[in-house]
Amino acid sequence: MPDDLDLDNAIETIVVDAYGADEHHSAFLTVIEDETHLPTTAALLGTPVTVTSIDYTTEARGIVATCHGPHGAGEVAFADPAFPPDTVTAWIHAAYRRYPVLTPFPARPRPEWTWPST
């Protein structure tokens, strides 16, 4: 489980120039899009899925992920899928879950992570 301070630092890095929830979601989406190579694997309620797109629609819905799995395809809250813990996507996802005070899924800390990538 990532350290709360590490996640707080990642959140601060992501939303540093954003004001209000709408801009915070947009900032997270920008980083997620930059750091996630789609399609990517994840698990949804323990079932393997493929995430094919990530988007931000409204402040009320937040960021959503389009997932394809054995039971069909659909949009879910980006906070719901669990990404492989050793990926940068999992690290950003953990920060995204912490941002609205959800419990982060496992992710290996990424102290070397910076954004934007150089």
PDB file of N, CA and C in Angstrom:
ATOM      1  N   MET A   1       0.855  -1.180   0.000  1.00  0.00           N
ATOM      2  CA  MET A   1       0.000   0.000   0.000  1.00  0.00           C
ATOM      3  C   MET A   1       0.895   1.235   0.000  1.00  0.00           C
ATOM      4  N   PRO A   2       0.621   2.181  -0.881  1.00  0.00           N
ATOM      5  CA  PRO A   2       1.448   3.382  -0.924  1.00  0.00           C
ATOM      6  C   PRO A   2       1.281   4.226   0.335  1.00  0.00           C
ATOM      7  N   ASP A   3       2.321   4.945   0.668  1.00  0.00           N
ATOM      8  CA  ASP A   3       2.313   5.843   1.809  1.00  0.00           C
ATOM      9  C   ASP A   3       1.440   7.062   1.485  1.00  0.00           C
ATOM     10  N   ASP A   4       0.642   7.486   2.470  1.00  0.00           N
ATOM     11  CA  ASP A   4      -0.252   8.628   2.260  1.00  0.00           C
ATOM     12  C   ASP A   4       0.508   9.887   1.846  1.00  0.00           C
ATOM     13  N   LEU A   5       1.682  10.113   2.444  1.00  0.00           N
ATOM     14  CA  LEU A   5       2.461  11.302   2.102  1.00  0.00           C
ATOM     15  C   LEU A   5       2.927  11.245   0.647  1.00  0.00           C
ATOM     16  N   ASP A   6       3.357  10.055   0.181  1.00  0.00           N
ATOM     17  CA  ASP A   6       3.748   9.909  -1.223  1.00  0.00           C
ATOM     18  C   ASP A   6       2.577  10.235  -2.142  1.00  0.00           C
ATOM     19  N   LEU A   7       1.394   9.733  -1.796  1.00  0.00           N
ATOM     20  CA  LEU A   7       0.209  10.005  -2.615  1.00  0.00           C
ATOM     21  C   LEU A   7      -0.171  11.483  -2.563  1.00  0.00           C
ATOM     22  N   ASP A   8      -0.078  12.079  -1.380  1.00  0.00           N
ATOM     23  CA  ASP A   8      -0.380  13.510  -1.259  1.00  0.00           C
ATOM     24  C   ASP A   8       0.569  14.341  -2.125  1.00  0.00           C
ATOM     25  N   ASN A   9       1.840  13.948  -2.176  1.00  0.00           N
ATOM     26  CA  ASN A   9       2.803  14.655  -3.025  1.00  0.00           C
ATOM     27  C   ASN A   9       2.449  14.487  -4.500  1.00  0.00           C
ATOM     28  N   ALA A  10       2.031  13.289  -4.888  1.00  0.00           N
ATOM     29  CA  ALA A  10       1.619  13.059  -6.279  1.00  0.00           C
ATOM     30  C   ALA A  10       0.392  13.907  -6.611  1.00  0.00           C
ATOM     31  N   ILE A  11      -0.574  13.944  -5.703  1.00  0.00           N
ATOM     32  CA  ILE A  11      -1.782  14.753  -5.922  1.00  0.00           C
ATOM     33  C   ILE A  11      -1.404  16.219  -6.091  1.00  0.00           C
ATOM     34  N   GLU A  12      -0.540  16.714  -5.223  1.00  0.00           N
ATOM     35  CA  GLU A  12      -0.119  18.118  -5.305  1.00  0.00           C
ATOM     36  C   GLU A  12       0.573  18.404  -6.635  1.00  0.00           C
ATOM     37  N   THR A  13       1.391  17.468  -7.095  1.00  0.00           N
ATOM     38  CA  THR A  13       2.065  17.628  -8.390  1.00  0.00           C
ATOM     39  C   THR A  13       1.050  17.716  -9.519  1.00  0.00           C
ATOM     40  N   ILE A  14       0.021  16.894  -9.450  1.00  0.00           N
ATOM     41  CA  ILE A  14      -0.973  16.826 -10.524  1.00  0.00           C
ATOM     42  C   ILE A  14      -1.882  18.050 -10.545  1.00  0.00           C
ATOM     43  N   VAL A  15      -2.334  18.502  -9.386  1.00  0.00           N
ATOM     44  CA  VAL A  15      -3.343  19.574  -9.348  1.00  0.00           C
ATOM     45  C   VAL A  15      -2.759  20.947  -9.019  1.00  0.00           C
ATOM     46  N   VAL A  16      -1.450  21.085  -9.091  1.00  0.00           N
ATOM     47  CA  VAL A  16      -0.786  22.313  -8.645  1.00  0.00           C
ATOM     48  C   VAL A  16      -1.367  23.582  -9.275  1.00  0.00           C
ATOM     49  N   ASP A  17      -1.712  23.561 -10.531  1.00  0.00           N
ATOM     50  CA  ASP A  17      -2.238  24.762 -11.191  1.00  0.00           C
ATOM     51  C   ASP A  17      -3.737  24.690 -11.445  1.00  0.00           C
ATOM     52  N   ALA A  18      -4.419  23.772 -10.792  1.00  0.00           N
ATOM     53  CA  ALA A  18      -5.854  23.586 -11.004  1.00  0.00           C
ATOM     54  C   ALA A  18      -6.622  24.159  -9.813  1.00  0.00           C
ATOM     55  N   TYR A  19      -7.759  24.776 -10.113  1.00  0.00           N
ATOM     56  CA  TYR A  19      -8.585  25.372  -9.066  1.00  0.00           C
ATOM     57  C   TYR A  19      -9.998  24.828  -9.183  1.00  0.00           C
ATOM     58  N   GLY A  20     -10.474  24.222  -8.122  1.00  0.00           N
ATOM     59  CA  GLY A  20     -11.817  23.661  -8.104  1.00  0.00           C
ATOM     60  C   GLY A  20     -11.842  22.232  -8.621  1.00  0.00           C
ATOM     61  N   ALA A  21     -12.919  21.542  -8.277  1.00  0.00           N
ATOM     62  CA  ALA A  21     -13.039  20.116  -8.601  1.00  0.00           C
ATOM     63  C   ALA A  21     -12.989  19.845 -10.100  1.00  0.00           C
ATOM     64  N   ASP A  22     -13.638  20.680 -10.905  1.00  0.00           N
ATOM     65  CA  ASP A  22     -13.653  20.457 -12.352  1.00  0.00           C
ATOM     66  C   ASP A  22     -12.237  20.492 -12.928  1.00  0.00           C
ATOM     67  N   GLU A  23     -11.460  21.487 -12.547  1.00  0.00           N
ATOM     68  CA  GLU A  23     -10.080  21.583 -13.029  1.00  0.00           C
ATOM     69  C   GLU A  23      -9.208  20.475 -12.453  1.00  0.00           C
ATOM     70  N   HIS A  24      -9.485  20.052 -11.219  1.00  0.00           N
ATOM     71  CA  HIS A  24      -8.724  18.941 -10.637  1.00  0.00           C
ATOM     72  C   HIS A  24      -8.947  17.664 -11.440  1.00  0.00           C
ATOM     73  N   HIS A  25     -10.203  17.375 -11.778  1.00  0.00           N
ATOM     74  CA  HIS A  25     -10.487  16.189 -12.601  1.00  0.00           C
ATOM     75  C   HIS A  25      -9.795  16.296 -13.957  1.00  0.00           C
ATOM     76  N   SER A  26      -9.854  17.464 -14.561  1.00  0.00           N
ATOM     77  CA  SER A  26      -9.204  17.660 -15.860  1.00  0.00           C
ATOM     78  C   SER A  26      -7.693  17.473 -15.756  1.00  0.00           C
ATOM     79  N   ALA A  27      -7.101  17.941 -14.664  1.00  0.00           N
ATOM     80  CA  ALA A  27      -5.661  17.765 -14.458  1.00  0.00           C
ATOM     81  C   ALA A  27      -5.320  16.282 -14.311  1.00  0.00           C
ATOM     82  N   PHE A  28      -6.109  15.559 -13.517  1.00  0.00           N
ATOM     83  CA  PHE A  28      -5.886  14.114 -13.382  1.00  0.00           C
ATOM     84  C   PHE A  28      -6.030  13.425 -14.734  1.00  0.00           C
ATOM     85  N   LEU A  29      -7.060  13.785 -15.503  1.00  0.00           N
ATOM     86  CA  LEU A  29      -7.259  13.155 -16.808  1.00  0.00           C
ATOM     87  C   LEU A  29      -6.053  13.392 -17.714  1.00  0.00           C
ATOM     88  N   THR A  30      -5.517  14.595 -17.710  1.00  0.00           N
ATOM     89  CA  THR A  30      -4.349  14.896 -18.539  1.00  0.00           C
ATOM     90  C   THR A  30      -3.183  13.979 -18.189  1.00  0.00           C
ATOM     91  N   VAL A  31      -2.913  13.824 -16.895  1.00  0.00           N
ATOM     92  CA  VAL A  31      -1.805  12.970 -16.462  1.00  0.00           C
ATOM     93  C   VAL A  31      -2.102  11.504 -16.780  1.00  0.00           C
ATOM     94  N   ILE A  32      -3.326  11.063 -16.530  1.00  0.00           N
ATOM     95  CA  ILE A  32      -3.697   9.674 -16.825  1.00  0.00           C
ATOM     96  C   ILE A  32      -3.506   9.392 -18.313  1.00  0.00           C
ATOM     97  N   GLU A  33      -3.966  10.300 -19.163  1.00  0.00           N
ATOM     98  CA  GLU A  33      -3.817  10.106 -20.612  1.00  0.00           C
ATOM     99  C   GLU A  33      -2.347  10.081 -21.024  1.00  0.00           C
ATOM    100  N   ASP A  34      -1.534  10.936 -20.410  1.00  0.00           N
ATOM    101  CA  ASP A  34      -0.108  10.972 -20.742  1.00  0.00           C
ATOM    102  C   ASP A  34       0.633   9.718 -20.289  1.00  0.00           C
ATOM    103  N   GLU A  35       0.221   9.140 -19.174  1.00  0.00           N
ATOM    104  CA  GLU A  35       0.971   8.051 -18.552  1.00  0.00           C
ATOM    105  C   GLU A  35       0.406   6.653 -18.800  1.00  0.00           C
ATOM    106  N   THR A  36      -0.786   6.552 -19.363  1.00  0.00           N
ATOM    107  CA  THR A  36      -1.424   5.246 -19.559  1.00  0.00           C
ATOM    108  C   THR A  36      -1.433   4.889 -21.034  1.00  0.00           C
ATOM    109  N   HIS A  37      -0.901   3.727 -21.341  1.00  0.00           N
ATOM    110  CA  HIS A  37      -0.901   3.225 -22.716  1.00  0.00           C
ATOM    111  C   HIS A  37      -2.128   2.340 -22.893  1.00  0.00           C
ATOM    112  N   LEU A  38      -3.081   2.824 -23.678  1.00  0.00           N
ATOM    113  CA  LEU A  38      -4.329   2.088 -23.901  1.00  0.00           C
ATOM    114  C   LEU A  38      -4.232   1.255 -25.166  1.00  0.00           C
ATOM    115  N   PRO A  39      -4.880   0.123 -25.206  1.00  0.00           N
ATOM    116  CA  PRO A  39      -5.640  -0.498 -24.124  1.00  0.00           C
ATOM    117  C   PRO A  39      -4.700  -1.039 -23.047  1.00  0.00           C
ATOM    118  N   THR A  40      -5.224  -1.156 -21.832  1.00  0.00           N
ATOM    119  CA  THR A  40      -4.444  -1.675 -20.717  1.00  0.00           C
ATOM    120  C   THR A  40      -5.295  -2.639 -19.906  1.00  0.00           C
ATOM    121  N   THR A  41      -4.640  -3.476 -19.150  1.00  0.00           N
ATOM    122  CA  THR A  41      -5.355  -4.467 -18.346  1.00  0.00           C
ATOM    123  C   THR A  41      -5.688  -3.898 -16.974  1.00  0.00           C
ATOM    124  N   ALA A  42      -6.760  -4.418 -16.416  1.00  0.00           N
ATOM    125  CA  ALA A  42      -7.197  -4.050 -15.070  1.00  0.00           C
ATOM    126  C   ALA A  42      -8.107  -5.169 -14.574  1.00  0.00           C
ATOM    127  N   ALA A  43      -8.610  -5.004 -13.375  1.00  0.00           N
ATOM    128  CA  ALA A  43      -9.607  -5.931 -12.838  1.00  0.00           C
ATOM    129  C   ALA A  43     -10.764  -5.105 -12.306  1.00  0.00           C
ATOM    130  N   LEU A  44     -11.959  -5.598 -12.544  1.00  0.00           N
ATOM    131  CA  LEU A  44     -13.167  -4.932 -12.074  1.00  0.00           C
ATOM    132  C   LEU A  44     -13.945  -5.947 -11.264  1.00  0.00           C
ATOM    133  N   LEU A  45     -14.055  -5.702  -9.965  1.00  0.00           N
ATOM    134  CA  LEU A  45     -14.682  -6.658  -9.047  1.00  0.00           C
ATOM    135  C   LEU A  45     -14.038  -8.031  -9.178  1.00  0.00           C
ATOM    136  N   GLY A  46     -12.711  -8.041  -9.355  1.00  0.00           N
ATOM    137  CA  GLY A  46     -11.960  -9.280  -9.444  1.00  0.00           C
ATOM    138  C   GLY A  46     -11.947  -9.929 -10.816  1.00  0.00           C
ATOM    139  N   THR A  47     -12.680  -9.389 -11.764  1.00  0.00           N
ATOM    140  CA  THR A  47     -12.752  -9.952 -13.114  1.00  0.00           C
ATOM    141  C   THR A  47     -11.786  -9.202 -14.027  1.00  0.00           C
ATOM    142  N   PRO A  48     -10.938  -9.917 -14.768  1.00  0.00           N
ATOM    143  CA  PRO A  48     -10.030  -9.236 -15.695  1.00  0.00           C
ATOM    144  C   PRO A  48     -10.808  -8.479 -16.774  1.00  0.00           C
ATOM    145  N   VAL A  49     -10.390  -7.244 -17.028  1.00  0.00           N
ATOM    146  CA  VAL A  49     -10.997  -6.415 -18.070  1.00  0.00           C
ATOM    147  C   VAL A  49      -9.887  -5.708 -18.837  1.00  0.00           C
ATOM    148  N   THR A  50     -10.258  -5.186 -19.988  1.00  0.00           N
ATOM    149  CA  THR A  50      -9.365  -4.336 -20.769  1.00  0.00           C
ATOM    150  C   THR A  50      -9.955  -2.935 -20.770  1.00  0.00           C
ATOM    151  N   VAL A  51      -9.168  -1.973 -20.323  1.00  0.00           N
ATOM    152  CA  VAL A  51      -9.591  -0.574 -20.348  1.00  0.00           C
ATOM    153  C   VAL A  51      -9.181  -0.013 -21.708  1.00  0.00           C
ATOM    154  N   THR A  52     -10.170   0.456 -22.468  1.00  0.00           N
ATOM    155  CA  THR A  52      -9.897   0.927 -23.828  1.00  0.00           C
ATOM    156  C   THR A  52      -9.931   2.441 -23.972  1.00  0.00           C
ATOM    157  N   SER A  53     -10.591   3.122 -23.042  1.00  0.00           N
ATOM    158  CA  SER A  53     -10.592   4.588 -23.088  1.00  0.00           C
ATOM    159  C   SER A  53     -10.852   5.140 -21.696  1.00  0.00           C
ATOM    160  N   ILE A  54     -10.405   6.370 -21.504  1.00  0.00           N
ATOM    161  CA  ILE A  54     -10.594   7.078 -20.239  1.00  0.00           C
ATOM    162  C   ILE A  54     -11.023   8.493 -20.610  1.00  0.00           C
ATOM    163  N   ASP A  55     -12.060   9.005 -19.921  1.00  0.00           N
ATOM    164  CA  ASP A  55     -12.597  10.312 -20.287  1.00  0.00           C
ATOM    165  C   ASP A  55     -13.140  11.011 -19.044  1.00  0.00           C
ATOM    166  N   TYR A  56     -13.321  12.297 -19.165  1.00  0.00           N
ATOM    167  CA  TYR A  56     -13.951  13.091 -18.113  1.00  0.00           C
ATOM    168  C   TYR A  56     -15.206  13.707 -18.707  1.00  0.00           C
ATOM    169  N   THR A  57     -16.334  13.468 -18.051  1.00  0.00           N
ATOM    170  CA  THR A  57     -17.593  13.981 -18.584  1.00  0.00           C
ATOM    171  C   THR A  57     -18.096  15.164 -17.768  1.00  0.00           C
ATOM    172  N   THR A  58     -18.401  14.938 -16.512  1.00  0.00           N
ATOM    173  CA  THR A  58     -18.904  16.004 -15.648  1.00  0.00           C
ATOM    174  C   THR A  58     -18.287  15.869 -14.266  1.00  0.00           C
ATOM    175  N   GLU A  59     -18.371  16.943 -13.511  1.00  0.00           N
ATOM    176  CA  GLU A  59     -17.853  16.915 -12.145  1.00  0.00           C
ATOM    177  C   GLU A  59     -18.565  15.853 -11.310  1.00  0.00           C
ATOM    178  N   ALA A  60     -19.857  15.677 -11.537  1.00  0.00           N
ATOM    179  CA  ALA A  60     -20.631  14.699 -10.763  1.00  0.00           C
ATOM    180  C   ALA A  60     -20.181  13.264 -11.036  1.00  0.00           C
ATOM    181  N   ARG A  61     -19.861  12.949 -12.295  1.00  0.00           N
ATOM    182  CA  ARG A  61     -19.432  11.593 -12.659  1.00  0.00           C
ATOM    183  C   ARG A  61     -17.943  11.391 -12.471  1.00  0.00           C
ATOM    184  N   GLY A  62     -17.176  12.450 -12.593  1.00  0.00           N
ATOM    185  CA  GLY A  62     -15.730  12.324 -12.499  1.00  0.00           C
ATOM    186  C   GLY A  62     -15.154  11.681 -13.747  1.00  0.00           C
ATOM    187  N   ILE A  63     -13.993  11.079 -13.592  1.00  0.00           N
ATOM    188  CA  ILE A  63     -13.330  10.412 -14.705  1.00  0.00           C
ATOM    189  C   ILE A  63     -13.931   9.021 -14.851  1.00  0.00           C
ATOM    190  N   VAL A  64     -14.172   8.621 -16.098  1.00  0.00           N
ATOM    191  CA  VAL A  64     -14.754   7.304 -16.369  1.00  0.00           C
ATOM    192  C   VAL A  64     -13.807   6.504 -17.254  1.00  0.00           C
ATOM    193  N   ALA A  65     -13.899   5.178 -17.130  1.00  0.00           N
ATOM    194  CA  ALA A  65     -13.105   4.262 -17.947  1.00  0.00           C
ATOM    195  C   ALA A  65     -14.056   3.344 -18.696  1.00  0.00           C
ATOM    196  N   THR A  66     -13.785   3.132 -19.977  1.00  0.00           N
ATOM    197  CA  THR A  66     -14.543   2.154 -20.747  1.00  0.00           C
ATOM    198  C   THR A  66     -13.814   0.829 -20.628  1.00  0.00           C
ATOM    199  N   CYS A  67     -14.525  -0.176 -20.112  1.00  0.00           N
ATOM    200  CA  CYS A  67     -13.932  -1.493 -19.865  1.00  0.00           C
ATOM    201  C   CYS A  67     -14.632  -2.551 -20.702  1.00  0.00           C
ATOM    202  N   HIS A  68     -13.846  -3.493 -21.214  1.00  0.00           N
ATOM    203  CA  HIS A  68     -14.359  -4.646 -21.955  1.00  0.00           C
ATOM    204  C   HIS A  68     -13.929  -5.888 -21.197  1.00  0.00           C
ATOM    205  N   GLY A  69     -14.896  -6.752 -20.892  1.00  0.00           N
ATOM    206  CA  GLY A  69     -14.595  -7.973 -20.168  1.00  0.00           C
ATOM    207  C   GLY A  69     -15.460  -9.113 -20.645  1.00  0.00           C
ATOM    208  N   PRO A  70     -15.406 -10.240 -19.944  1.00  0.00           N
ATOM    209  CA  PRO A  70     -16.147 -11.423 -20.379  1.00  0.00           C
ATOM    210  C   PRO A  70     -17.663 -11.256 -20.320  1.00  0.00           C
ATOM    211  N   HIS A  71     -18.139 -10.268 -19.585  1.00  0.00           N
ATOM    212  CA  HIS A  71     -19.583 -10.071 -19.434  1.00  0.00           C
ATOM    213  C   HIS A  71     -20.092  -8.871 -20.225  1.00  0.00           C
ATOM    214  N   GLY A  72     -19.250  -8.310 -21.112  1.00  0.00           N
ATOM    215  CA  GLY A  72     -19.669  -7.179 -21.927  1.00  0.00           C
ATOM    216  C   GLY A  72     -18.747  -5.991 -21.754  1.00  0.00           C
ATOM    217  N   ALA A  73     -19.242  -4.838 -22.167  1.00  0.00           N
ATOM    218  CA  ALA A  73     -18.457  -3.606 -22.113  1.00  0.00           C
ATOM    219  C   ALA A  73     -19.321  -2.489 -21.551  1.00  0.00           C
ATOM    220  N   GLY A  74     -18.662  -1.505 -20.956  1.00  0.00           N
ATOM    221  CA  GLY A  74     -19.391  -0.363 -20.438  1.00  0.00           C
ATOM    222  C   GLY A  74     -18.481   0.620 -19.749  1.00  0.00           C
ATOM    223  N   GLU A  75     -19.060   1.759 -19.374  1.00  0.00           N
ATOM    224  CA  GLU A  75     -18.336   2.800 -18.656  1.00  0.00           C
ATOM    225  C   GLU A  75     -18.497   2.604 -17.158  1.00  0.00           C
ATOM    226  N   VAL A  76     -17.399   2.752 -16.446  1.00  0.00           N
ATOM    227  CA  VAL A  76     -17.409   2.703 -14.985  1.00  0.00           C
ATOM    228  C   VAL A  76     -16.605   3.891 -14.472  1.00  0.00           C
ATOM    229  N   ALA A  77     -16.798   4.223 -13.222  1.00  0.00           N
ATOM    230  CA  ALA A  77     -15.974   5.263 -12.612  1.00  0.00           C
ATOM    231  C   ALA A  77     -14.515   4.822 -12.667  1.00  0.00           C
ATOM    232  N   PHE A  78     -13.615   5.739 -13.018  1.00  0.00           N
ATOM    233  CA  PHE A  78     -12.194   5.404 -13.093  1.00  0.00           C
ATOM    234  C   PHE A  78     -11.681   4.895 -11.752  1.00  0.00           C
ATOM    235  N   ALA A  79     -12.310   5.284 -10.662  1.00  0.00           N
ATOM    236  CA  ALA A  79     -11.879   4.827  -9.342  1.00  0.00           C
ATOM    237  C   ALA A  79     -12.123   3.335  -9.134  1.00  0.00           C
ATOM    238  N   ASP A  80     -12.991   2.713  -9.938  1.00  0.00           N
ATOM    239  CA  ASP A  80     -13.388   1.325  -9.695  1.00  0.00           C
ATOM    240  C   ASP A  80     -12.422   0.250 -10.174  1.00  0.00           C
ATOM    241  N   PRO A  81     -11.840   0.320 -11.372  1.00  0.00           N
ATOM    242  CA  PRO A  81     -10.931  -0.756 -11.783  1.00  0.00           C
ATOM    243  C   PRO A  81      -9.647  -0.739 -10.952  1.00  0.00           C
ATOM    244  N   ALA A  82      -9.056  -1.911 -10.785  1.00  0.00           N
ATOM    245  CA  ALA A  82      -7.753  -2.036 -10.125  1.00  0.00           C
ATOM    246  C   ALA A  82      -6.723  -2.361 -11.200  1.00  0.00           C
ATOM    247  N   PHE A  83      -5.660  -1.573 -11.254  1.00  0.00           N
ATOM    248  CA  PHE A  83      -4.614  -1.755 -12.251  1.00  0.00           C
ATOM    249  C   PHE A  83      -3.458  -2.547 -11.644  1.00  0.00           C
ATOM    250  N   PRO A  84      -2.660  -3.236 -12.460  1.00  0.00           N
ATOM    251  CA  PRO A  84      -1.522  -3.987 -11.917  1.00  0.00           C
ATOM    252  C   PRO A  84      -0.649  -3.070 -11.051  1.00  0.00           C
ATOM    253  N   PRO A  85      -0.348  -3.488  -9.805  1.00  0.00           N
ATOM    254  CA  PRO A  85       0.314  -2.607  -8.837  1.00  0.00           C
ATOM    255  C   PRO A  85       1.663  -2.038  -9.264  1.00  0.00           C
ATOM    256  N   ASP A  86       2.397  -2.715 -10.129  1.00  0.00           N
ATOM    257  CA  ASP A  86       3.721  -2.233 -10.520  1.00  0.00           C
ATOM    258  C   ASP A  86       3.699  -1.268 -11.697  1.00  0.00           C
ATOM    259  N   THR A  87       2.524  -0.758 -12.062  1.00  0.00           N
ATOM    260  CA  THR A  87       2.431   0.156 -13.203  1.00  0.00           C
ATOM    261  C   THR A  87       2.292   1.605 -12.736  1.00  0.00           C
ATOM    262  N   VAL A  88       2.719   2.512 -13.579  1.00  0.00           N
ATOM    263  CA  VAL A  88       2.537   3.937 -13.286  1.00  0.00           C
ATOM    264  C   VAL A  88       1.047   4.262 -13.218  1.00  0.00           C
ATOM    265  N   THR A  89       0.252   3.593 -14.053  1.00  0.00           N
ATOM    266  CA  THR A  89      -1.197   3.821 -14.018  1.00  0.00           C
ATOM    267  C   THR A  89      -1.761   3.511 -12.635  1.00  0.00           C
ATOM    268  N   ALA A  90      -1.289   2.428 -12.012  1.00  0.00           N
ATOM    269  CA  ALA A  90      -1.753   2.085 -10.658  1.00  0.00           C
ATOM    270  C   ALA A  90      -1.384   3.182  -9.662  1.00  0.00           C
ATOM    271  N   TRP A  91      -0.193   3.744  -9.828  1.00  0.00           N
ATOM    272  CA  TRP A  91       0.264   4.808  -8.932  1.00  0.00           C
ATOM    273  C   TRP A  91      -0.626   6.046  -9.064  1.00  0.00           C
ATOM    274  N   ILE A  92      -0.902   6.464 -10.288  1.00  0.00           N
ATOM    275  CA  ILE A  92      -1.756   7.632 -10.511  1.00  0.00           C
ATOM    276  C   ILE A  92      -3.181   7.327 -10.049  1.00  0.00           C
ATOM    277  N   HIS A  93      -3.638   6.102 -10.297  1.00  0.00           N
ATOM    278  CA  HIS A  93      -4.965   5.663  -9.864  1.00  0.00           C
ATOM    279  C   HIS A  93      -5.075   5.728  -8.338  1.00  0.00           C
ATOM    280  N   ALA A  94      -4.020   5.297  -7.638  1.00  0.00           N
ATOM    281  CA  ALA A  94      -4.021   5.360  -6.169  1.00  0.00           C
ATOM    282  C   ALA A  94      -4.150   6.810  -5.703  1.00  0.00           C
ATOM    283  N   ALA A  95      -3.440   7.718  -6.371  1.00  0.00           N
ATOM    284  CA  ALA A  95      -3.553   9.142  -6.024  1.00  0.00           C
ATOM    285  C   ALA A  95      -4.962   9.649  -6.322  1.00  0.00           C
ATOM    286  N   TYR A  96      -5.525   9.225  -7.447  1.00  0.00           N
ATOM    287  CA  TYR A  96      -6.885   9.647  -7.808  1.00  0.00           C
ATOM    288  C   TYR A  96      -7.894   9.159  -6.766  1.00  0.00           C
ATOM    289  N   ARG A  97      -7.739   7.930  -6.293  1.00  0.00           N
ATOM    290  CA  ARG A  97      -8.647   7.416  -5.266  1.00  0.00           C
ATOM    291  C   ARG A  97      -8.463   8.160  -3.945  1.00  0.00           C
ATOM    292  N   ARG A  98      -7.244   8.539  -3.622  1.00  0.00           N
ATOM    293  CA  ARG A  98      -6.999   9.261  -2.366  1.00  0.00           C
ATOM    294  C   ARG A  98      -7.545  10.687  -2.445  1.00  0.00           C
ATOM    295  N   TYR A  99      -7.485  11.284  -3.625  1.00  0.00           N
ATOM    296  CA  TYR A  99      -7.918  12.678  -3.780  1.00  0.00           C
ATOM    297  C   TYR A  99      -9.321  12.911  -3.223  1.00  0.00           C
ATOM    298  N   PRO A 100     -10.320  12.070  -3.554  1.00  0.00           N
ATOM    299  CA  PRO A 100     -11.622  12.285  -2.916  1.00  0.00           C
ATOM    300  C   PRO A 100     -11.788  11.449  -1.647  1.00  0.00           C
ATOM    301  N   VAL A 101     -10.684  10.972  -1.082  1.00  0.00           N
ATOM    302  CA  VAL A 101     -10.640  10.215   0.164  1.00  0.00           C
ATOM    303  C   VAL A 101     -11.246   8.814   0.028  1.00  0.00           C
ATOM    304  N   LEU A 102     -10.966   8.149  -1.073  1.00  0.00           N
ATOM    305  CA  LEU A 102     -11.264   6.725  -1.204  1.00  0.00           C
ATOM    306  C   LEU A 102     -10.006   5.961  -0.812  1.00  0.00           C
ATOM    307  N   THR A 103     -10.146   4.712  -0.417  1.00  0.00           N
ATOM    308  CA  THR A 103      -8.984   3.906  -0.079  1.00  0.00           C
ATOM    309  C   THR A 103      -8.255   3.511  -1.360  1.00  0.00           C
ATOM    310  N   PRO A 104      -6.953   3.827  -1.465  1.00  0.00           N
ATOM    311  CA  PRO A 104      -6.222   3.450  -2.670  1.00  0.00           C
ATOM    312  C   PRO A 104      -6.076   1.938  -2.782  1.00  0.00           C
ATOM    313  N   PHE A 105      -6.113   1.431  -4.009  1.00  0.00           N
ATOM    314  CA  PHE A 105      -5.775   0.039  -4.264  1.00  0.00           C
ATOM    315  C   PHE A 105      -4.259  -0.083  -4.185  1.00  0.00           C
ATOM    316  N   PRO A 106      -3.707  -1.299  -4.054  1.00  0.00           N
ATOM    317  CA  PRO A 106      -2.252  -1.459  -3.963  1.00  0.00           C
ATOM    318  C   PRO A 106      -1.533  -0.871  -5.176  1.00  0.00           C
ATOM    319  N   ALA A 107      -0.434  -0.209  -4.906  1.00  0.00           N
ATOM    320  CA  ALA A 107       0.438   0.329  -5.950  1.00  0.00           C
ATOM    321  C   ALA A 107       1.827   0.501  -5.360  1.00  0.00           C
ATOM    322  N   ARG A 108       2.829   0.131  -6.117  1.00  0.00           N
ATOM    323  CA  ARG A 108       4.202   0.302  -5.659  1.00  0.00           C
ATOM    324  C   ARG A 108       4.547   1.787  -5.708  1.00  0.00           C
ATOM    325  N   PRO A 109       5.103   2.358  -4.617  1.00  0.00           N
ATOM    326  CA  PRO A 109       5.481   3.767  -4.620  1.00  0.00           C
ATOM    327  C   PRO A 109       6.408   4.089  -5.789  1.00  0.00           C
ATOM    328  N   ARG A 110       6.254   5.267  -6.340  1.00  0.00           N
ATOM    329  CA  ARG A 110       7.046   5.712  -7.487  1.00  0.00           C
ATOM    330  C   ARG A 110       7.761   7.015  -7.119  1.00  0.00           C
ATOM    331  N   PRO A 111       8.768   6.979  -6.209  1.00  0.00           N
ATOM    332  CA  PRO A 111       9.421   8.223  -5.800  1.00  0.00           C
ATOM    333  C   PRO A 111      10.118   8.939  -6.948  1.00  0.00           C
ATOM    334  N   GLU A 112      10.480   8.198  -8.004  1.00  0.00           N
ATOM    335  CA  GLU A 112      11.154   8.816  -9.144  1.00  0.00           C
ATOM    336  C   GLU A 112      10.172   9.433 -10.133  1.00  0.00           C
ATOM    337  N   TRP A 113       8.868   9.247  -9.900  1.00  0.00           N
ATOM    338  CA  TRP A 113       7.862   9.721 -10.842  1.00  0.00           C
ATOM    339  C   TRP A 113       7.762  11.232 -10.805  1.00  0.00           C
ATOM    340  N   THR A 114       7.779  11.842 -11.966  1.00  0.00           N
ATOM    341  CA  THR A 114       7.531  13.272 -12.105  1.00  0.00           C
ATOM    342  C   THR A 114       6.627  13.467 -13.305  1.00  0.00           C
ATOM    343  N   TRP A 115       5.964  14.579 -13.328  1.00  0.00           N
ATOM    344  CA  TRP A 115       5.135  14.909 -14.475  1.00  0.00           C
ATOM    345  C   TRP A 115       5.286  16.384 -14.753  1.00  0.00           C
ATOM    346  N   PRO A 116       5.424  16.812 -15.934  1.00  0.00           N
ATOM    347  CA  PRO A 116       5.436  15.989 -17.135  1.00  0.00           C
ATOM    348  C   PRO A 116       6.745  15.220 -17.267  1.00  0.00           C
ATOM    349  N   SER A 117       6.671  14.100 -17.969  1.00  0.00           N
ATOM    350  CA  SER A 117       7.859  13.282 -18.192  1.00  0.00           C
ATOM    351  C   SER A 117       8.826  14.043 -19.080  1.00  0.00           C
ATOM    352  N   THR A 118      10.100  13.855 -18.810  1.00  0.00           N
ATOM    353  CA  THR A 118      11.098  14.537 -19.650  1.00  0.00           C
ATOM    354  C   THR A 118      11.785  13.568 -20.564  1.00  0.00           C
TER     355      THR A 118
END
